[in-house]
């Protein structure tokens, strides 16, 4: 497989509102309600025509199993990174992949040579602090550029203060933290407008 994402990782490496509550006797804490993770990832309606859903989409563990059948070394690497995120507080992860050729369905986040593909990965953490620390440290090798440092094609802050985007094909990538979620959207060999619309669609679902 052409390691487009590995090249992108090298490029990247170079480079609360508060309201007053009415006092009540013995108030009961209410847990925050977040969007179900299966509803946050890219859907078929979010992506350009001509891409078919991959059977490797779904729970992240199922994706790792699908990759293992095609590329055991890559699967082991992804599994090790997932275990690291779990140690940082990750509780659940969901992935969706869409591709013009099924060979991209078991590639790293769908990035496979000249194949048109779209992928999204959303990881849910136990709390916002855990999610932010994981985003700062880097998701699957993609760490945000330091403030004031940037490489061509990279911008910070487009999707909120904890976000960065690489928009310089053939691989376009967005990585951001919102609420207890950290999201990755990766478009390969697709146009910038579709990439922008897809990241906005995922962002709108994160709560």
Protein backbone atom coordinates (compact mmCIF):
# COMPACT_ATOMS: atom_id res chain seq x y z
CA UNK A 1 0.00 0.00 0.00
CA UNK A 2 1.13 3.54 -0.69
CA UNK A 3 1.65 5.08 2.74
CA UNK A 4 0.08 8.45 1.98
CA UNK A 5 -0.83 8.93 5.62
CA UNK A 6 2.74 8.26 6.70
CA UNK A 7 3.91 11.04 4.41
CA UNK A 8 1.26 13.36 5.82
CA UNK A 9 2.35 12.53 9.36
CA UNK A 10 5.87 13.66 8.49
CA UNK A 11 4.53 16.93 7.08
CA UNK A 12 2.57 17.55 10.25
CA UNK A 13 5.56 16.78 12.47
CA UNK A 14 7.57 19.48 10.66
CA UNK A 15 5.55 21.82 10.82
CA UNK A 16 -17.28 27.35 28.52
CA UNK A 17 -20.03 29.11 29.29
CA UNK A 18 -21.24 29.10 32.90
CA UNK A 19 -24.76 29.87 34.09
CA UNK A 20 -26.00 30.48 37.62
CA UNK A 21 -28.39 27.87 38.90
CA UNK A 22 -31.27 28.53 41.27
CA UNK A 23 -30.44 27.09 44.68
CA UNK A 24 -32.40 23.97 45.46
CA UNK A 25 -32.24 21.63 48.39
CA UNK A 26 -29.91 18.66 47.80
CA UNK A 27 -29.43 19.11 44.03
CA UNK A 28 -28.80 15.88 42.14
CA UNK A 29 -25.95 15.88 39.59
CA UNK A 30 -27.09 15.05 36.08
CA UNK A 31 -24.70 13.28 33.74
CA UNK A 32 -24.09 14.96 30.40
CA UNK A 33 -25.94 13.39 27.51
CA UNK A 34 -23.84 12.91 24.40
CA UNK A 35 -24.68 11.84 20.88
CA UNK A 36 -24.44 8.09 20.33
CA UNK A 37 -21.06 7.51 18.72
CA UNK A 38 -22.59 5.47 15.88
CA UNK A 39 -24.46 8.60 14.81
CA UNK A 40 -21.45 10.91 14.76
CA UNK A 41 -19.39 9.36 11.95
CA UNK A 42 -19.71 10.00 8.22
CA UNK A 43 -22.87 8.73 6.58
CA UNK A 44 -23.46 7.83 2.93
CA UNK A 45 -25.28 11.13 2.41
CA UNK A 46 -22.18 13.08 3.54
CA UNK A 47 -19.86 11.90 0.79
CA UNK A 48 -19.59 12.29 -3.00
CA UNK A 49 -21.36 9.88 -5.34
CA UNK A 50 -19.44 6.87 -6.58
CA UNK A 51 -18.12 5.66 -3.24
CA UNK A 52 -19.49 2.46 -1.72
CA UNK A 53 -19.65 1.69 1.99
CA UNK A 54 -16.96 -0.69 3.25
CA UNK A 55 -17.83 -3.81 5.22
CA UNK A 56 -14.96 -2.88 7.56
CA UNK A 57 -16.99 0.08 8.86
CA UNK A 58 -18.43 -0.08 12.36
CA UNK A 59 -16.87 -0.72 15.74
CA UNK A 60 -13.14 -0.02 15.64
CA UNK A 61 -12.31 -3.53 16.81
CA UNK A 62 -14.11 -4.93 13.74
CA UNK A 63 -12.09 -2.63 11.48
CA UNK A 64 -8.85 -3.85 13.06
CA UNK A 65 -9.94 -7.46 12.45
CA UNK A 66 -10.69 -6.69 8.79
CA UNK A 67 -7.31 -5.00 8.34
CA UNK A 68 -5.55 -7.95 9.99
CA UNK A 69 -6.81 -10.30 7.29
CA UNK A 70 -5.22 -8.10 4.61
CA UNK A 71 -2.18 -6.62 6.38
CA UNK A 72 -1.30 -8.15 9.77
CA UNK A 73 1.56 -5.73 10.44
CA UNK A 74 -0.63 -2.68 9.84
CA UNK A 75 -3.37 -4.17 12.01
CA UNK A 76 -0.93 -4.74 14.86
CA UNK A 77 0.25 -1.13 14.62
CA UNK A 78 -3.32 0.22 14.66
CA UNK A 79 -4.27 -2.08 17.54
CA UNK A 80 -1.29 -0.87 19.60
CA UNK A 81 -2.32 2.75 19.05
CA UNK A 82 -5.89 1.94 20.02
CA UNK A 83 -4.72 0.31 23.25
CA UNK A 84 -2.70 3.43 24.01
CA UNK A 85 -5.82 5.57 23.57
CA UNK A 86 -7.75 3.24 25.85
CA UNK A 87 -5.13 3.76 28.54
CA UNK A 88 -5.73 7.49 28.12
CA UNK A 89 -9.45 7.06 28.75
CA UNK A 90 -10.94 6.11 25.38
CA UNK A 91 -14.12 4.14 25.91
CA UNK A 92 -15.45 3.55 22.42
CA UNK A 93 -14.50 4.17 18.80
CA UNK A 94 -16.51 4.01 15.59
CA UNK A 95 -15.20 4.15 12.03
CA UNK A 96 -16.85 4.48 8.63
CA UNK A 97 -15.11 4.04 5.30
CA UNK A 98 -16.34 4.60 1.75
CA UNK A 99 -14.27 3.83 -1.34
CA UNK A 100 -14.39 3.62 -5.12
CA UNK A 101 -12.45 0.37 -4.87
CA UNK A 102 -12.72 -2.16 -2.07
CA UNK A 103 -8.92 -2.38 -1.80
CA UNK A 104 -9.04 0.85 0.22
CA UNK A 105 -11.41 -0.65 2.78
CA UNK A 106 -8.56 -2.31 4.66
CA UNK A 107 -6.00 0.44 4.12
CA UNK A 108 -5.01 2.83 6.90
CA UNK A 109 -8.04 5.14 7.20
CA UNK A 110 -8.89 4.38 3.58
CA UNK A 111 -5.76 6.00 2.13
CA UNK A 112 -4.59 3.75 -0.67
CA UNK A 113 -2.75 5.13 -3.68
CA UNK A 114 -4.98 6.68 -6.34
CA UNK A 115 -8.24 5.21 -5.00
CA UNK A 116 -10.95 7.72 -4.12
CA UNK A 117 -11.94 7.16 -0.50
CA UNK A 118 -13.48 8.85 2.53
CA UNK A 119 -13.07 7.78 6.15
CA UNK A 120 -14.09 9.03 9.55
CA UNK A 121 -13.09 7.89 13.01
CA UNK A 122 -14.66 9.17 16.20
CA UNK A 123 -13.30 8.20 19.63
CA UNK A 124 -15.32 8.82 22.80
CA UNK A 125 -13.47 9.44 26.07
CA UNK A 126 -14.61 9.36 29.67
CA UNK A 127 -14.46 13.14 29.99
CA UNK A 128 -13.39 16.27 28.11
CA UNK A 129 -10.02 16.44 29.85
CA UNK A 130 -9.06 12.97 28.67
CA UNK A 131 -10.22 13.79 25.15
CA UNK A 132 -8.23 17.02 25.04
CA UNK A 133 -5.04 15.41 26.32
CA UNK A 134 -5.33 12.65 23.72
CA UNK A 135 -5.88 15.21 20.96
CA UNK A 136 -2.86 17.22 22.10
CA UNK A 137 -0.65 14.12 22.13
CA UNK A 138 -1.81 13.06 18.66
CA UNK A 139 -4.33 10.64 17.25
CA UNK A 140 -2.75 7.70 15.41
CA UNK A 141 0.45 9.66 14.86
CA UNK A 142 -1.22 12.94 13.87
CA UNK A 143 -0.40 15.53 16.50
CA UNK A 144 -1.47 19.18 16.13
CA UNK A 145 1.23 21.63 15.09
CA UNK A 146 2.48 23.83 17.89
CA UNK A 147 0.90 27.30 18.08
CA UNK A 148 2.76 29.59 15.70
CA UNK A 149 4.19 26.69 13.73
CA UNK A 150 2.65 25.48 10.50
CA UNK A 151 3.51 23.65 7.32
CA UNK A 152 1.98 24.36 3.90
CA UNK A 153 -1.68 23.32 3.84
CA UNK A 154 -2.09 23.17 7.63
CA UNK A 155 -4.41 25.46 9.57
CA UNK A 156 -5.47 25.49 13.21
CA UNK A 157 -8.78 26.50 14.76
CA UNK A 158 -11.18 26.03 11.83
CA UNK A 159 -13.34 23.59 13.81
CA UNK A 160 -12.80 25.18 17.20
CA UNK A 161 -9.71 25.90 19.29
CA UNK A 162 -8.80 22.21 19.53
CA UNK A 163 -8.63 21.49 15.82
CA UNK A 164 -6.28 21.37 12.88
CA UNK A 165 -6.75 20.64 9.20
CA UNK A 166 -4.42 19.56 6.42
CA UNK A 167 -6.04 20.56 3.13
CA UNK A 168 -3.54 19.92 0.39
CA UNK A 169 -4.34 16.77 -1.62
CA UNK A 170 -4.22 14.03 -2.50
CA UNK A 171 -4.86 13.30 1.19
CA UNK A 172 -6.91 15.78 3.23
CA UNK A 173 -7.23 15.32 6.98
CA UNK A 174 -9.08 17.02 9.82
CA UNK A 175 -8.49 16.19 13.47
CA UNK A 176 -10.36 17.91 16.26
CA UNK A 177 -11.70 17.58 19.78
CA UNK A 178 -15.24 18.55 20.68
CA UNK A 179 -16.93 17.64 23.96
CA UNK A 180 -15.75 14.13 24.94
CA UNK A 181 -15.03 13.19 21.32
CA UNK A 182 -11.94 13.30 19.15
CA UNK A 183 -12.69 13.01 15.44
CA UNK A 184 -10.63 12.27 12.36
CA UNK A 185 -11.90 12.75 8.81
CA UNK A 186 -9.66 11.64 5.95
CA UNK A 187 -10.43 12.20 2.26
CA UNK A 188 -8.17 10.69 -0.39
CA UNK A 189 -8.21 11.85 -4.01
CA UNK A 190 -11.42 13.83 -3.50
CA UNK A 191 -12.18 17.51 -3.96
CA UNK A 192 -11.71 20.15 -1.23
CA UNK A 193 -15.38 21.22 -1.20
CA UNK A 194 -16.56 17.68 -0.42
CA UNK A 195 -13.96 17.37 2.32
CA UNK A 196 -15.06 20.65 3.90
CA UNK A 197 -18.74 19.65 3.80
CA UNK A 198 -18.02 16.23 5.32
CA UNK A 199 -16.02 17.61 8.24
CA UNK A 200 -18.81 20.10 8.94
CA UNK A 201 -21.37 17.27 8.92
CA UNK A 202 -19.41 15.26 11.49
CA UNK A 203 -18.72 18.33 13.62
CA UNK A 204 -22.43 19.16 13.79
CA UNK A 205 -23.15 15.73 15.30
CA UNK A 206 -20.59 15.89 18.08
CA UNK A 207 -22.27 16.84 21.35
